[in-house]
Amino acid sequence: MAGITSYNFKSGFKHELEVLSLAALYASHRQTVTHPHRANFYHIFWFANGPHTHFVDFNPITIKKNSLLFVNKEQVQSFDQRGNVDGKLILFTDRFFAKSTDDHRFLNNSILFNDFMEPAVINLNKKTDELTAYFQQIEKEFVNTDDAGHYDLLRNSLHNFLMQAERQRRQSGFKEIKKGADLDYLTLFKELVGQHFKEYKSVNHYARQINVSEKRLGQATLKTIGKTPKQVIDDRIVLEAKRLLTHTSQSIKQIGYYLGFEEPTNFIKYFRKHEGVTPIEFREMTNEK
């Protein structure tokens, strides 16, 4: 097992946004993109042909011709091994988009980039002409001369595109979590868990960081996603364990220690409690597929 490669946004760009050709990406980096990897930036795919299968955290996503796919930062993904992919890809970072607290909240609450939901897929048609136009506007501005208004035009075009994409997803029947204090607490909690799940596994720690009681945090998570805070923490730990068991050759002891378990037996018991099998059994099952 080659392991999970992590990527940061490559240097050389004044602004951390890039528009790529999928065909060119496959031609130059096929071996890399078809193996499990993750990145600290967001992906927006426009698949011009299809069907293709894109894997996001163990879930095969079937992509039809002329469709958009949104992949959140740090999700483990791999591209279709068969290749022959045509289309475009927009990459951007938090630093590019989020210039204020409101911008940061917009991305964290977005129904396009959310770890609690299935990856967002939008099929393009005549009803989505405006969405297509925004995508093309981003691509056009990306190659323009970097004048005084370049960043603002590029960033505003991306913002408009994301808002239009959210509207289109809602119109297709998607039911989102109602905005309010509960969603704000969930967002803060999710972000903290994502940063510190290896070091801190108690609900009390995160509740204190958010400055709410454990009971109030529990009300927020149950109302929004139907899970307790402890289940959210456990889900994140188990997901990372499954990623490492499937995509790396690290020993059970190494994985357990990385996830904050001082004794391998504690990690084995924990994993079996949540998955019904031991880490070794899970690894063997995934290797057989």
Protein backbone atom coordinates (compact mmCIF):
# COMPACT_ATOMS: atom_id res chain seq x y z
CA MET A 1 0.00 0.00 0.00
CA ALA A 2 1.54 3.28 -1.12
CA GLY A 3 -0.13 5.42 1.56
CA ILE A 4 -2.15 8.61 1.48
CA THR A 5 -0.27 11.50 -0.08
CA SER A 6 -1.10 14.96 1.29
CA TYR A 7 -0.84 18.05 -0.88
CA ASN A 8 -0.61 21.73 -0.09
CA PHE A 9 -1.47 24.39 -2.64
CA LYS A 10 1.53 24.69 -4.93
CA SER A 11 3.65 27.79 -4.87
CA GLY A 12 4.01 30.22 -7.73
CA PHE A 13 0.52 31.74 -7.70
CA LYS A 14 -0.08 35.22 -6.37
CA HIS A 15 -3.61 34.17 -5.44
CA GLU A 16 -4.39 30.65 -4.25
CA LEU A 17 -6.82 29.67 -7.00
CA GLU A 18 -6.08 27.62 -10.10
CA VAL A 19 -8.11 26.37 -13.07
CA LEU A 20 -6.86 23.15 -14.68
CA SER A 21 -7.74 20.96 -17.63
CA LEU A 22 -8.74 17.49 -16.39
CA ALA A 23 -7.40 15.88 -19.55
CA ALA A 24 -4.03 17.60 -19.07
CA LEU A 25 -3.99 16.65 -15.39
CA TYR A 26 -4.52 12.99 -16.26
CA ALA A 27 -1.87 13.15 -18.96
CA SER A 28 0.81 14.54 -16.63
CA HIS A 29 -0.16 13.17 -13.20
CA ARG A 30 -2.33 10.10 -13.78
CA GLN A 31 -0.31 7.86 -11.45
CA THR A 32 -0.69 10.44 -8.67
CA VAL A 33 -4.37 11.39 -8.96
CA THR A 34 -5.67 7.82 -9.35
CA HIS A 35 -4.16 6.86 -5.98
CA PRO A 36 -5.65 7.98 -2.63
CA HIS A 37 -4.63 11.50 -1.73
CA ARG A 38 -5.89 14.53 0.13
CA ALA A 39 -5.27 18.24 -0.06
CA ASN A 40 -5.65 21.30 2.12
CA PHE A 41 -7.76 23.05 -0.54
CA TYR A 42 -11.18 22.71 -2.17
CA HIS A 43 -11.92 20.97 -5.50
CA ILE A 44 -14.68 21.82 -7.98
CA PHE A 45 -14.76 19.38 -10.90
CA TRP A 46 -16.62 19.97 -14.15
CA PHE A 47 -16.74 16.61 -15.93
CA ALA A 48 -17.50 17.26 -19.60
CA ASN A 49 -17.79 13.55 -20.42
CA GLY A 50 -18.80 10.44 -18.53
CA PRO A 51 -19.71 8.30 -16.83
CA HIS A 52 -16.80 8.26 -14.36
CA THR A 53 -16.35 6.92 -10.86
CA HIS A 54 -14.69 9.23 -8.34
CA PHE A 55 -13.92 7.87 -4.87
CA VAL A 56 -14.35 10.11 -1.83
CA ASP A 57 -13.67 8.51 1.57
CA PHE A 58 -14.68 4.98 0.57
CA ASN A 59 -17.75 6.14 -1.33
CA PRO A 60 -17.79 5.60 -5.12
CA ILE A 61 -19.47 8.61 -6.72
CA THR A 62 -20.87 7.94 -10.20
CA ILE A 63 -20.46 11.06 -12.32
CA LYS A 64 -22.57 11.54 -15.41
CA LYS A 65 -21.60 13.56 -18.46
CA ASN A 66 -21.63 17.34 -17.94
CA SER A 67 -21.73 17.30 -14.14
CA LEU A 68 -20.14 19.23 -11.28
CA LEU A 69 -18.60 17.53 -8.25
CA PHE A 70 -17.55 19.39 -5.08
CA VAL A 71 -14.89 17.83 -2.81
CA ASN A 72 -14.06 19.32 0.58
CA LYS A 73 -10.51 19.95 1.74
CA GLU A 74 -8.78 17.05 3.54
CA GLN A 75 -11.17 14.42 2.16
CA VAL A 76 -9.34 11.38 0.78
CA GLN A 77 -10.12 10.98 -2.90
CA SER A 78 -8.93 9.12 -5.97
CA PHE A 79 -9.76 9.68 -9.63
CA ASP A 80 -11.13 7.08 -12.04
CA GLN A 81 -8.43 4.59 -13.02
CA ARG A 82 -9.80 4.30 -16.56
CA GLY A 83 -8.90 7.85 -17.49
CA ASN A 84 -10.28 9.41 -20.71
CA VAL A 85 -11.57 12.28 -18.58
CA ASP A 86 -12.34 15.64 -20.13
CA GLY A 87 -13.37 18.80 -18.34
CA LYS A 88 -12.11 21.45 -15.92
CA LEU A 89 -11.05 21.65 -12.28
CA ILE A 90 -11.04 24.67 -9.98
CA LEU A 91 -8.79 24.54 -6.91
CA PHE A 92 -8.88 27.20 -4.19
CA THR A 93 -7.91 27.68 -0.56
CA ASP A 94 -9.49 29.21 2.52
CA ARG A 95 -6.88 31.93 2.35
CA PHE A 96 -8.01 32.90 -1.16
CA PHE A 97 -11.73 32.97 -0.41
CA ALA A 98 -12.14 33.86 3.27
CA LYS A 99 -11.24 37.48 3.88
CA SER A 100 -13.66 37.89 6.77
CA THR A 101 -15.42 35.89 9.48
CA ASP A 102 -18.54 35.84 7.31
CA ASP A 103 -16.58 34.33 4.40
CA HIS A 104 -15.16 31.65 6.67
CA ARG A 105 -18.64 30.86 8.03
CA PHE A 106 -20.02 30.68 4.48
CA LEU A 107 -17.55 27.94 3.52
CA ASN A 108 -17.96 26.02 6.78
CA ASN A 109 -21.77 26.06 6.47
CA SER A 110 -21.85 25.45 2.72
CA ILE A 111 -24.05 22.60 1.49
CA LEU A 112 -21.42 22.05 -1.22
CA PHE A 113 -18.50 21.30 1.10
CA ASN A 114 -19.74 19.43 4.16
CA ASP A 115 -18.38 16.24 5.71
CA PHE A 116 -21.77 15.40 7.23
CA MET A 117 -23.39 15.09 3.80
CA GLU A 118 -22.81 13.14 0.61
CA PRO A 119 -20.44 14.91 -1.81
CA ALA A 120 -22.42 17.46 -3.80
CA VAL A 121 -23.07 16.58 -7.43
CA ILE A 122 -24.96 18.89 -9.83
CA ASN A 123 -25.97 17.81 -13.31
CA LEU A 124 -25.72 20.68 -15.76
CA ASN A 125 -28.50 21.44 -18.26
CA LYS A 126 -30.31 24.41 -19.76
CA LYS A 127 -31.65 25.34 -16.32
CA THR A 128 -28.09 25.78 -15.08
CA ASP A 129 -26.84 28.09 -17.83
CA GLU A 130 -26.10 30.82 -15.27
CA LEU A 131 -23.99 28.41 -13.23
CA THR A 132 -22.06 27.40 -16.34
CA ALA A 133 -21.49 31.06 -17.20
CA TYR A 134 -20.01 31.78 -13.76
CA PHE A 135 -17.62 28.82 -14.10
CA GLN A 136 -16.46 30.08 -17.49
CA GLN A 137 -16.11 33.60 -16.08
CA ILE A 138 -13.74 32.28 -13.40
CA GLU A 139 -11.72 30.45 -16.05
CA LYS A 140 -11.51 33.55 -18.23
CA GLU A 141 -10.47 35.84 -15.38
CA PHE A 142 -7.87 33.33 -14.18
CA VAL A 143 -5.83 33.80 -17.37
CA ASN A 144 -6.29 37.58 -17.52
CA THR A 145 -3.46 39.97 -16.81
CA ASP A 146 -3.01 40.47 -13.07
CA ASP A 147 -4.19 44.07 -12.88
CA ALA A 148 -5.50 45.98 -9.85
CA GLY A 149 -8.97 44.42 -10.02
CA HIS A 150 -7.92 40.86 -10.84
CA TYR A 151 -8.24 39.37 -7.36
CA ASP A 152 -11.59 40.99 -6.58
CA LEU A 153 -13.08 39.91 -9.90
CA LEU A 154 -11.77 36.37 -9.48
CA ARG A 155 -12.93 36.04 -5.89
CA ASN A 156 -16.34 37.63 -6.53
CA SER A 157 -16.91 35.35 -9.51
CA LEU A 158 -16.14 32.32 -7.35
CA HIS A 159 -18.47 33.58 -4.61
CA ASN A 160 -21.28 34.10 -7.12
CA PHE A 161 -20.66 30.66 -8.59
CA LEU A 162 -20.85 28.97 -5.18
CA MET A 163 -24.05 30.81 -4.23
CA GLN A 164 -25.62 29.87 -7.58
CA ALA A 165 -24.53 26.25 -7.10
CA GLU A 166 -26.12 26.18 -3.65
CA ARG A 167 -29.35 27.55 -5.11
CA GLN A 168 -29.32 24.90 -7.83
CA ARG A 169 -28.77 22.12 -5.30
CA ARG A 170 -31.68 23.35 -3.17
CA GLN A 171 -33.94 23.51 -6.23
CA SER A 172 -33.07 19.89 -7.01
CA GLY A 173 -34.71 18.82 -3.75
CA PHE A 174 -31.81 18.91 -1.31
CA LYS A 175 -32.87 19.59 2.29
CA GLU A 176 -30.26 21.50 4.23
CA ILE A 177 -29.71 22.05 7.93
CA LYS A 178 -31.60 25.12 9.13
CA LYS A 179 -29.34 28.08 9.84
CA GLY A 180 -29.15 29.30 13.41
CA ALA A 181 -27.30 28.82 16.69
CA ASP A 182 -27.44 25.02 16.45
CA LEU A 183 -25.70 25.02 13.07
CA ASP A 184 -23.13 27.55 14.30
CA TYR A 185 -22.27 25.34 17.28
CA LEU A 186 -22.08 22.27 15.03
CA THR A 187 -19.76 24.11 12.64
CA LEU A 188 -17.40 25.23 15.41
CA PHE A 189 -17.46 21.76 16.98
CA LYS A 190 -16.78 20.01 13.66
CA GLU A 191 -13.85 22.30 12.93
CA LEU A 192 -12.28 21.77 16.35
CA VAL A 193 -12.75 17.99 16.19
CA GLY A 194 -11.12 17.95 12.76
CA GLN A 195 -8.08 19.76 14.18
CA HIS A 196 -7.69 17.95 17.51
CA PHE A 197 -9.40 14.52 17.41
CA LYS A 198 -6.06 12.75 17.87
CA GLU A 199 -5.29 14.62 21.11
CA TYR A 200 -8.73 15.19 22.66
CA LYS A 201 -11.59 12.70 22.69
CA SER A 202 -13.84 14.07 25.45
CA VAL A 203 -16.97 16.09 24.73
CA ASN A 204 -16.20 18.28 27.73
CA HIS A 205 -12.99 19.56 26.14
CA TYR A 206 -14.73 20.75 22.99
CA ALA A 207 -17.71 22.21 24.87
CA ARG A 208 -15.32 24.31 26.95
CA GLN A 209 -13.52 25.49 23.81
CA ILE A 210 -16.82 26.59 22.28
CA ASN A 211 -17.91 28.06 25.64
CA VAL A 212 -21.15 26.06 25.92
CA SER A 213 -22.32 23.27 28.21
CA GLU A 214 -22.11 19.64 27.11
CA LYS A 215 -25.90 19.51 27.24
CA ARG A 216 -26.26 22.52 24.91
CA LEU A 217 -23.72 21.10 22.48
CA GLY A 218 -25.60 17.81 22.52
CA GLN A 219 -28.86 19.58 21.73
CA ALA A 220 -27.20 21.28 18.75
CA THR A 221 -25.72 18.11 17.22
CA LEU A 222 -28.83 16.00 17.80
CA LYS A 223 -31.10 18.63 16.26
CA THR A 224 -28.92 19.24 13.20
CA ILE A 225 -27.49 15.82 12.29
CA GLY A 226 -29.16 13.40 14.69
CA LYS A 227 -25.92 12.43 16.44
CA THR A 228 -24.48 13.05 19.89
CA PRO A 229 -21.19 14.97 20.22
CA LYS A 230 -19.49 11.71 21.27
CA GLN A 231 -20.70 10.04 18.07
CA VAL A 232 -19.26 12.93 16.02
CA ILE A 233 -15.87 12.52 17.70
CA ASP A 234 -15.95 8.73 17.31
CA ASP A 235 -16.97 9.00 13.63
CA ARG A 236 -13.97 11.23 12.91
CA ILE A 237 -11.52 8.92 14.69
CA VAL A 238 -12.91 5.80 12.99
CA LEU A 239 -12.85 7.48 9.56
CA GLU A 240 -9.16 8.33 9.96
CA ALA A 241 -8.45 4.81 11.18
CA LYS A 242 -10.19 3.33 8.13
CA ARG A 243 -8.26 5.65 5.84
CA LEU A 244 -4.93 4.55 7.31
CA LEU A 245 -5.84 0.87 7.43
CA THR A 246 -6.94 0.90 3.79
CA HIS A 247 -4.39 3.20 2.19
CA THR A 248 -1.19 2.67 4.19
CA SER A 249 0.96 -0.23 5.34
CA GLN A 250 1.42 1.17 8.85
CA SER A 251 1.11 -1.37 11.64
CA ILE A 252 -1.91 -1.47 13.95
CA LYS A 253 0.33 -0.21 16.74
CA GLN A 254 1.53 2.75 14.63
CA ILE A 255 -2.01 3.70 13.59
CA GLY A 256 -3.32 3.43 17.13
CA TYR A 257 -0.50 5.57 18.48
CA TYR A 258 -1.03 8.16 15.74
CA LEU A 259 -4.71 8.37 16.71
CA GLY A 260 -3.88 8.93 20.38
CA PHE A 261 -4.15 5.41 21.77
CA GLU A 262 -1.15 4.60 23.95
CA GLU A 263 -1.88 0.87 23.99
CA PRO A 264 -2.66 -1.12 20.80
CA THR A 265 -5.25 -3.18 22.70
CA ASN A 266 -7.23 -0.02 23.49
CA PHE A 267 -7.30 0.93 19.80
CA ILE A 268 -8.34 -2.60 18.78
CA LYS A 269 -11.20 -2.65 21.32
CA TYR A 270 -12.29 0.85 20.29
CA PHE A 271 -12.31 0.04 16.58
CA ARG A 272 -14.15 -3.27 17.06
CA LYS A 273 -16.78 -1.54 19.22
CA HIS A 274 -17.61 0.90 16.42
CA GLU A 275 -17.05 -1.23 13.31
CA GLY A 276 -17.84 -4.72 14.54
CA VAL A 277 -14.49 -6.06 13.34
CA THR A 278 -10.89 -5.67 14.44
CA PRO A 279 -8.52 -3.34 12.54
CA ILE A 280 -6.75 -6.37 11.04
CA GLU A 281 -10.06 -7.88 9.88
CA PHE A 282 -11.09 -4.55 8.34
CA ARG A 283 -7.77 -4.27 6.50
CA GLU A 284 -8.10 -7.80 5.17
CA MET A 285 -11.67 -7.16 3.95
CA THR A 286 -10.68 -3.99 2.09
CA ASN A 287 -7.64 -5.66 0.53
CA GLU A 288 -9.86 -8.41 -0.86
CA LYS A 289 -12.05 -5.95 -2.79
